[in-house]
Amino acid sequence: MKSIRKIVPVVKKGLMKDIEDDDNDLEYWLSKTPGERIAAITFLVLSSIKPGTKMDRTHIVRIKAKLNGAG
């Protein structure tokens, strides 16, 4: 007979300022590619600006230029 696997959520309860999860956060983001990190930042910025407002991408363009050796 097949055993049923149960997924148990891990929950931390407490105030956000009191929960120390910096090591896990850093480990998580370092495991992502630079493209995934930029996509996450773009998503956060776009979700926080007013509709119809364009995102200022000048800094992102500079990063791409530096990565390509143009600056």
PDB file of N, CA and C in Angstrom:
ATOM      1  N   MET A   1       0.834  -1.178   0.000  1.00  0.00           N
ATOM      2  CA  MET A   1       0.000   0.000   0.000  1.00  0.00           C
ATOM      3  C   MET A   1       0.883   1.247   0.000  1.00  0.00           C
ATOM      4  N   LYS A   2       0.484   2.259  -0.751  1.00  0.00           N
ATOM      5  CA  LYS A   2       1.234   3.508  -0.831  1.00  0.00           C
ATOM      6  C   LYS A   2       1.075   4.321   0.445  1.00  0.00           C
ATOM      7  N   SER A   3       2.182   4.880   0.896  1.00  0.00           N
ATOM      8  CA  SER A   3       2.076   5.773   2.051  1.00  0.00           C
ATOM      9  C   SER A   3       1.768   7.181   1.553  1.00  0.00           C
ATOM     10  N   ILE A   4       0.971   7.876   2.307  1.00  0.00           N
ATOM     11  CA  ILE A   4       0.597   9.234   1.930  1.00  0.00           C
ATOM     12  C   ILE A   4       1.600  10.196   2.549  1.00  0.00           C
ATOM     13  N   ARG A   5       2.182  11.000   1.689  1.00  0.00           N
ATOM     14  CA  ARG A   5       3.154  11.976   2.155  1.00  0.00           C
ATOM     15  C   ARG A   5       2.420  13.246   2.549  1.00  0.00           C
ATOM     16  N   LYS A   6       2.718  13.737   3.717  1.00  0.00           N
ATOM     17  CA  LYS A   6       2.084  14.957   4.190  1.00  0.00           C
ATOM     18  C   LYS A   6       3.087  16.100   4.132  1.00  0.00           C
ATOM     19  N   ILE A   7       2.636  17.225   3.630  1.00  0.00           N
ATOM     20  CA  ILE A   7       3.461  18.422   3.603  1.00  0.00           C
ATOM     21  C   ILE A   7       3.036  19.280   4.781  1.00  0.00           C
ATOM     22  N   VAL A   8       3.986  19.573   5.628  1.00  0.00           N
ATOM     23  CA  VAL A   8       3.703  20.355   6.820  1.00  0.00           C
ATOM     24  C   VAL A   8       4.333  21.733   6.657  1.00  0.00           C
ATOM     25  N   PRO A   9       3.537  22.799   6.731  1.00  0.00           N
ATOM     26  CA  PRO A   9       4.113  24.136   6.582  1.00  0.00           C
ATOM     27  C   PRO A   9       4.964  24.518   7.790  1.00  0.00           C
ATOM     28  N   VAL A  10       6.008  25.260   7.510  1.00  0.00           N
ATOM     29  CA  VAL A  10       6.841  25.792   8.588  1.00  0.00           C
ATOM     30  C   VAL A  10       6.438  27.242   8.766  1.00  0.00           C
ATOM     31  N   VAL A  11       6.016  27.573   9.963  1.00  0.00           N
ATOM     32  CA  VAL A  11       5.510  28.915  10.227  1.00  0.00           C
ATOM     33  C   VAL A  11       6.292  29.536  11.375  1.00  0.00           C
ATOM     34  N   LYS A  12       6.704  30.779  11.164  1.00  0.00           N
ATOM     35  CA  LYS A  12       7.327  31.550  12.231  1.00  0.00           C
ATOM     36  C   LYS A  12       6.376  32.682  12.577  1.00  0.00           C
ATOM     37  N   LYS A  13       5.994  32.772  13.815  1.00  0.00           N
ATOM     38  CA  LYS A  13       5.113  33.846  14.236  1.00  0.00           C
ATOM     39  C   LYS A  13       5.904  34.837  15.064  1.00  0.00           C
ATOM     40  N   GLY A  14       5.686  36.101  14.796  1.00  0.00           N
ATOM     41  CA  GLY A  14       6.369  37.137  15.544  1.00  0.00           C
ATOM     42  C   GLY A  14       6.321  38.437  14.777  1.00  0.00           C
ATOM     43  N   LEU A  15       6.830  39.473  15.379  1.00  0.00           N
ATOM     44  CA  LEU A  15       6.897  40.762  14.708  1.00  0.00           C
ATOM     45  C   LEU A  15       7.985  40.721  13.644  1.00  0.00           C
ATOM     46  N   MET A  16       7.734  41.353  12.512  1.00  0.00           N
ATOM     47  CA  MET A  16       8.697  41.350  11.413  1.00  0.00           C
ATOM     48  C   MET A  16      10.062  41.875  11.863  1.00  0.00           C
ATOM     49  N   LYS A  17      10.064  42.884  12.716  1.00  0.00           N
ATOM     50  CA  LYS A  17      11.338  43.461  13.146  1.00  0.00           C
ATOM     51  C   LYS A  17      12.126  42.524  14.063  1.00  0.00           C
ATOM     52  N   ASP A  18      11.451  41.541  14.663  1.00  0.00           N
ATOM     53  CA  ASP A  18      12.108  40.620  15.585  1.00  0.00           C
ATOM     54  C   ASP A  18      12.580  39.326  14.927  1.00  0.00           C
ATOM     55  N   ILE A  19      12.082  39.015  13.751  1.00  0.00           N
ATOM     56  CA  ILE A  19      12.434  37.755  13.091  1.00  0.00           C
ATOM     57  C   ILE A  19      13.732  37.941  12.309  1.00  0.00           C
ATOM     58  N   GLU A  20      14.728  37.155  12.649  1.00  0.00           N
ATOM     59  CA  GLU A  20      16.020  37.209  11.969  1.00  0.00           C
ATOM     60  C   GLU A  20      16.057  36.119  10.904  1.00  0.00           C
ATOM     61  N   ASP A  21      15.982  36.512   9.646  1.00  0.00           N
ATOM     62  CA  ASP A  21      16.007  35.549   8.553  1.00  0.00           C
ATOM     63  C   ASP A  21      16.978  36.005   7.470  1.00  0.00           C
ATOM     64  N   ASP A  22      17.918  36.870   7.842  1.00  0.00           N
ATOM     65  CA  ASP A  22      18.836  37.449   6.872  1.00  0.00           C
ATOM     66  C   ASP A  22      19.673  36.402   6.146  1.00  0.00           C
ATOM     67  N   ASP A  23      20.139  35.390   6.870  1.00  0.00           N
ATOM     68  CA  ASP A  23      20.971  34.362   6.235  1.00  0.00           C
ATOM     69  C   ASP A  23      20.195  33.596   5.173  1.00  0.00           C
ATOM     70  N   ASN A  24      18.949  33.241   5.480  1.00  0.00           N
ATOM     71  CA  ASN A  24      18.126  32.530   4.493  1.00  0.00           C
ATOM     72  C   ASN A  24      17.793  33.417   3.307  1.00  0.00           C
ATOM     73  N   ASP A  25      17.530  34.700   3.568  1.00  0.00           N
ATOM     74  CA  ASP A  25      17.236  35.629   2.471  1.00  0.00           C
ATOM     75  C   ASP A  25      18.425  35.750   1.531  1.00  0.00           C
ATOM     76  N   LEU A  26      19.604  35.943   2.101  1.00  0.00           N
ATOM     77  CA  LEU A  26      20.807  36.083   1.282  1.00  0.00           C
ATOM     78  C   LEU A  26      21.068  34.811   0.484  1.00  0.00           C
ATOM     79  N   GLU A  27      20.956  33.670   1.136  1.00  0.00           N
ATOM     80  CA  GLU A  27      21.171  32.386   0.467  1.00  0.00           C
ATOM     81  C   GLU A  27      20.192  32.204  -0.695  1.00  0.00           C
ATOM     82  N   TYR A  28      18.930  32.586  -0.463  1.00  0.00           N
ATOM     83  CA  TYR A  28      17.910  32.461  -1.504  1.00  0.00           C
ATOM     84  C   TYR A  28      18.264  33.317  -2.724  1.00  0.00           C
ATOM     85  N   TRP A  29      18.574  34.596  -2.498  1.00  0.00           N
ATOM     86  CA  TRP A  29      18.834  35.491  -3.626  1.00  0.00           C
ATOM     87  C   TRP A  29      20.140  35.175  -4.323  1.00  0.00           C
ATOM     88  N   LEU A  30      21.125  34.667  -3.598  1.00  0.00           N
ATOM     89  CA  LEU A  30      22.373  34.278  -4.257  1.00  0.00           C
ATOM     90  C   LEU A  30      22.195  33.032  -5.119  1.00  0.00           C
ATOM     91  N   SER A  31      21.155  32.248  -4.839  1.00  0.00           N
ATOM     92  CA  SER A  31      20.897  31.058  -5.655  1.00  0.00           C
ATOM     93  C   SER A  31      20.198  31.409  -6.968  1.00  0.00           C
ATOM     94  N   LYS A  32      19.722  32.638  -7.110  1.00  0.00           N
ATOM     95  CA  LYS A  32      19.028  33.085  -8.317  1.00  0.00           C
ATOM     96  C   LYS A  32      20.017  33.715  -9.293  1.00  0.00           C
ATOM     97  N   THR A  33      19.686  33.658 -10.563  1.00  0.00           N
ATOM     98  CA  THR A  33      20.535  34.281 -11.577  1.00  0.00           C
ATOM     99  C   THR A  33      20.350  35.796 -11.520  1.00  0.00           C
ATOM    100  N   PRO A  34      21.337  36.550 -12.035  1.00  0.00           N
ATOM    101  CA  PRO A  34      21.176  38.005 -12.062  1.00  0.00           C
ATOM    102  C   PRO A  34      19.903  38.447 -12.791  1.00  0.00           C
ATOM    103  N   GLY A  35      19.540  37.740 -13.841  1.00  0.00           N
ATOM    104  CA  GLY A  35      18.306  38.069 -14.571  1.00  0.00           C
ATOM    105  C   GLY A  35      17.061  37.894 -13.717  1.00  0.00           C
ATOM    106  N   GLU A  36      17.040  36.826 -12.916  1.00  0.00           N
ATOM    107  CA  GLU A  36      15.903  36.593 -12.016  1.00  0.00           C
ATOM    108  C   GLU A  36      15.835  37.668 -10.928  1.00  0.00           C
ATOM    109  N   ARG A  37      17.005  38.104 -10.468  1.00  0.00           N
ATOM    110  CA  ARG A  37      17.035  39.156  -9.446  1.00  0.00           C
ATOM    111  C   ARG A  37      16.516  40.469 -10.006  1.00  0.00           C
ATOM    112  N   ILE A  38      16.951  40.812 -11.216  1.00  0.00           N
ATOM    113  CA  ILE A  38      16.486  42.058 -11.850  1.00  0.00           C
ATOM    114  C   ILE A  38      14.993  41.977 -12.127  1.00  0.00           C
ATOM    115  N   ALA A  39      14.510  40.809 -12.556  1.00  0.00           N
ATOM    116  CA  ALA A  39      13.070  40.645 -12.800  1.00  0.00           C
ATOM    117  C   ALA A  39      12.272  40.834 -11.516  1.00  0.00           C
ATOM    118  N   ALA A  40      12.786  40.344 -10.398  1.00  0.00           N
ATOM    119  CA  ALA A  40      12.096  40.503  -9.115  1.00  0.00           C
ATOM    120  C   ALA A  40      12.056  41.969  -8.697  1.00  0.00           C
ATOM    121  N   ILE A  41      13.170  42.675  -8.888  1.00  0.00           N
ATOM    122  CA  ILE A  41      13.209  44.098  -8.545  1.00  0.00           C
ATOM    123  C   ILE A  41      12.254  44.879  -9.434  1.00  0.00           C
ATOM    124  N   THR A  42      12.257  44.570 -10.721  1.00  0.00           N
ATOM    125  CA  THR A  42      11.357  45.249 -11.654  1.00  0.00           C
ATOM    126  C   THR A  42       9.907  45.023 -11.258  1.00  0.00           C
ATOM    127  N   PHE A  43       9.564  43.796 -10.890  1.00  0.00           N
ATOM    128  CA  PHE A  43       8.200  43.487 -10.455  1.00  0.00           C
ATOM    129  C   PHE A  43       7.819  44.311  -9.230  1.00  0.00           C
ATOM    130  N   LEU A  44       8.710  44.372  -8.248  1.00  0.00           N
ATOM    131  CA  LEU A  44       8.425  45.129  -7.031  1.00  0.00           C
ATOM    132  C   LEU A  44       8.253  46.618  -7.316  1.00  0.00           C
ATOM    133  N   VAL A  45       9.115  47.169  -8.154  1.00  0.00           N
ATOM    134  CA  VAL A  45       9.016  48.595  -8.478  1.00  0.00           C
ATOM    135  C   VAL A  45       7.725  48.877  -9.232  1.00  0.00           C
ATOM    136  N   LEU A  46       7.427  48.058 -10.227  1.00  0.00           N
ATOM    137  CA  LEU A  46       6.218  48.279 -11.021  1.00  0.00           C
ATOM    138  C   LEU A  46       4.948  48.095 -10.202  1.00  0.00           C
ATOM    139  N   SER A  47       4.985  47.229  -9.204  1.00  0.00           N
ATOM    140  CA  SER A  47       3.799  47.028  -8.374  1.00  0.00           C
ATOM    141  C   SER A  47       3.627  48.137  -7.348  1.00  0.00           C
ATOM    142  N   SER A  48       4.665  48.951  -7.155  1.00  0.00           N
ATOM    143  CA  SER A  48       4.563  50.012  -6.149  1.00  0.00           C
ATOM    144  C   SER A  48       4.328  51.406  -6.741  1.00  0.00           C
ATOM    145  N   ILE A  49       4.441  51.556  -8.070  1.00  0.00           N
ATOM    146  CA  ILE A  49       4.212  52.874  -8.661  1.00  0.00           C
ATOM    147  C   ILE A  49       2.762  52.992  -9.131  1.00  0.00           C
ATOM    148  N   LYS A  50       2.331  54.222  -9.307  1.00  0.00           N
ATOM    149  CA  LYS A  50       0.952  54.487  -9.722  1.00  0.00           C
ATOM    150  C   LYS A  50       0.736  54.026 -11.165  1.00  0.00           C
ATOM    151  N   PRO A  51      -0.480  53.562 -11.483  1.00  0.00           N
ATOM    152  CA  PRO A  51      -0.773  53.155 -12.859  1.00  0.00           C
ATOM    153  C   PRO A  51      -0.524  54.312 -13.832  1.00  0.00           C
ATOM    154  N   GLY A  52       0.076  54.001 -14.958  1.00  0.00           N
ATOM    155  CA  GLY A  52       0.368  55.009 -15.969  1.00  0.00           C
ATOM    156  C   GLY A  52       1.737  55.645 -15.802  1.00  0.00           C
ATOM    157  N   THR A  53       2.397  55.416 -14.664  1.00  0.00           N
ATOM    158  CA  THR A  53       3.730  55.961 -14.418  1.00  0.00           C
ATOM    159  C   THR A  53       4.765  54.989 -14.980  1.00  0.00           C
ATOM    160  N   LYS A  54       5.772  55.533 -15.622  1.00  0.00           N
ATOM    161  CA  LYS A  54       6.828  54.678 -16.163  1.00  0.00           C
ATOM    162  C   LYS A  54       7.947  54.519 -15.146  1.00  0.00           C
ATOM    163  N   MET A  55       8.566  53.358 -15.169  1.00  0.00           N
ATOM    164  CA  MET A  55       9.681  53.089 -14.267  1.00  0.00           C
ATOM    165  C   MET A  55      10.946  53.736 -14.814  1.00  0.00           C
ATOM    166  N   ASP A  56      11.733  54.345 -13.947  1.00  0.00           N
ATOM    167  CA  ASP A  56      13.006  54.931 -14.343  1.00  0.00           C
ATOM    168  C   ASP A  56      14.025  53.802 -14.469  1.00  0.00           C
ATOM    169  N   ARG A  57      14.445  53.516 -15.678  1.00  0.00           N
ATOM    170  CA  ARG A  57      15.347  52.387 -15.914  1.00  0.00           C
ATOM    171  C   ARG A  57      16.787  52.822 -16.163  1.00  0.00           C
ATOM    172  N   THR A  58      17.132  54.057 -15.863  1.00  0.00           N
ATOM    173  CA  THR A  58      18.479  54.533 -16.166  1.00  0.00           C
ATOM    174  C   THR A  58      19.542  53.732 -15.422  1.00  0.00           C
ATOM    175  N   HIS A  59      19.279  53.365 -14.184  1.00  0.00           N
ATOM    176  CA  HIS A  59      20.266  52.596 -13.420  1.00  0.00           C
ATOM    177  C   HIS A  59      20.425  51.190 -13.996  1.00  0.00           C
ATOM    178  N   ILE A  60      19.330  50.582 -14.406  1.00  0.00           N
ATOM    179  CA  ILE A  60      19.390  49.237 -14.986  1.00  0.00           C
ATOM    180  C   ILE A  60      20.187  49.255 -16.283  1.00  0.00           C
ATOM    181  N   VAL A  61      20.016  50.302 -17.093  1.00  0.00           N
ATOM    182  CA  VAL A  61      20.766  50.415 -18.343  1.00  0.00           C
ATOM    183  C   VAL A  61      22.249  50.526 -18.050  1.00  0.00           C
ATOM    184  N   ARG A  62      22.621  51.279 -17.009  1.00  0.00           N
ATOM    185  CA  ARG A  62      24.030  51.419 -16.645  1.00  0.00           C
ATOM    186  C   ARG A  62      24.619  50.083 -16.213  1.00  0.00           C
ATOM    187  N   ILE A  63      23.848  49.304 -15.474  1.00  0.00           N
ATOM    188  CA  ILE A  63      24.335  47.992 -15.033  1.00  0.00           C
ATOM    189  C   ILE A  63      24.582  47.099 -16.244  1.00  0.00           C
ATOM    190  N   LYS A  64      23.653  47.095 -17.195  1.00  0.00           N
ATOM    191  CA  LYS A  64      23.825  46.276 -18.404  1.00  0.00           C
ATOM    192  C   LYS A  64      25.055  46.723 -19.173  1.00  0.00           C
ATOM    193  N   ALA A  65      25.264  48.040 -19.256  1.00  0.00           N
ATOM    194  CA  ALA A  65      26.418  48.545 -19.975  1.00  0.00           C
ATOM    195  C   ALA A  65      27.708  48.098 -19.306  1.00  0.00           C
ATOM    196  N   LYS A  66      27.757  48.131 -17.977  1.00  0.00           N
ATOM    197  CA  LYS A  66      28.954  47.700 -17.268  1.00  0.00           C
ATOM    198  C   LYS A  66      29.193  46.205 -17.438  1.00  0.00           C
ATOM    199  N   LEU A  67      28.115  45.416 -17.451  1.00  0.00           N
ATOM    200  CA  LEU A  67      28.262  43.977 -17.622  1.00  0.00           C
ATOM    201  C   LEU A  67      28.786  43.634 -19.002  1.00  0.00           C
ATOM    202  N   ASN A  68      28.424  44.459 -19.999  1.00  0.00           N
ATOM    203  CA  ASN A  68      28.880  44.208 -21.365  1.00  0.00           C
ATOM    204  C   ASN A  68      30.245  44.821 -21.627  1.00  0.00           C
ATOM    205  N   GLY A  69      30.838  45.469 -20.637  1.00  0.00           N
ATOM    206  CA  GLY A  69      32.175  46.035 -20.799  1.00  0.00           C
ATOM    207  C   GLY A  69      32.189  47.391 -21.462  1.00  0.00           C
ATOM    208  N   ALA A  70      31.052  48.066 -21.505  1.00  0.00           N
ATOM    209  CA  ALA A  70      30.986  49.352 -22.196  1.00  0.00           C
ATOM    210  C   ALA A  70      31.063  50.523 -21.227  1.00  0.00           C
ATOM    211  N   GLY A  71      31.596  50.341 -20.058  1.00  0.00           N
ATOM    212  CA  GLY A  71      31.623  51.525 -19.213  1.00  0.00           C
ATOM    213  C   GLY A  71      32.216  51.244 -17.938  1.00  0.00           C
TER     214      GLY A  71
END
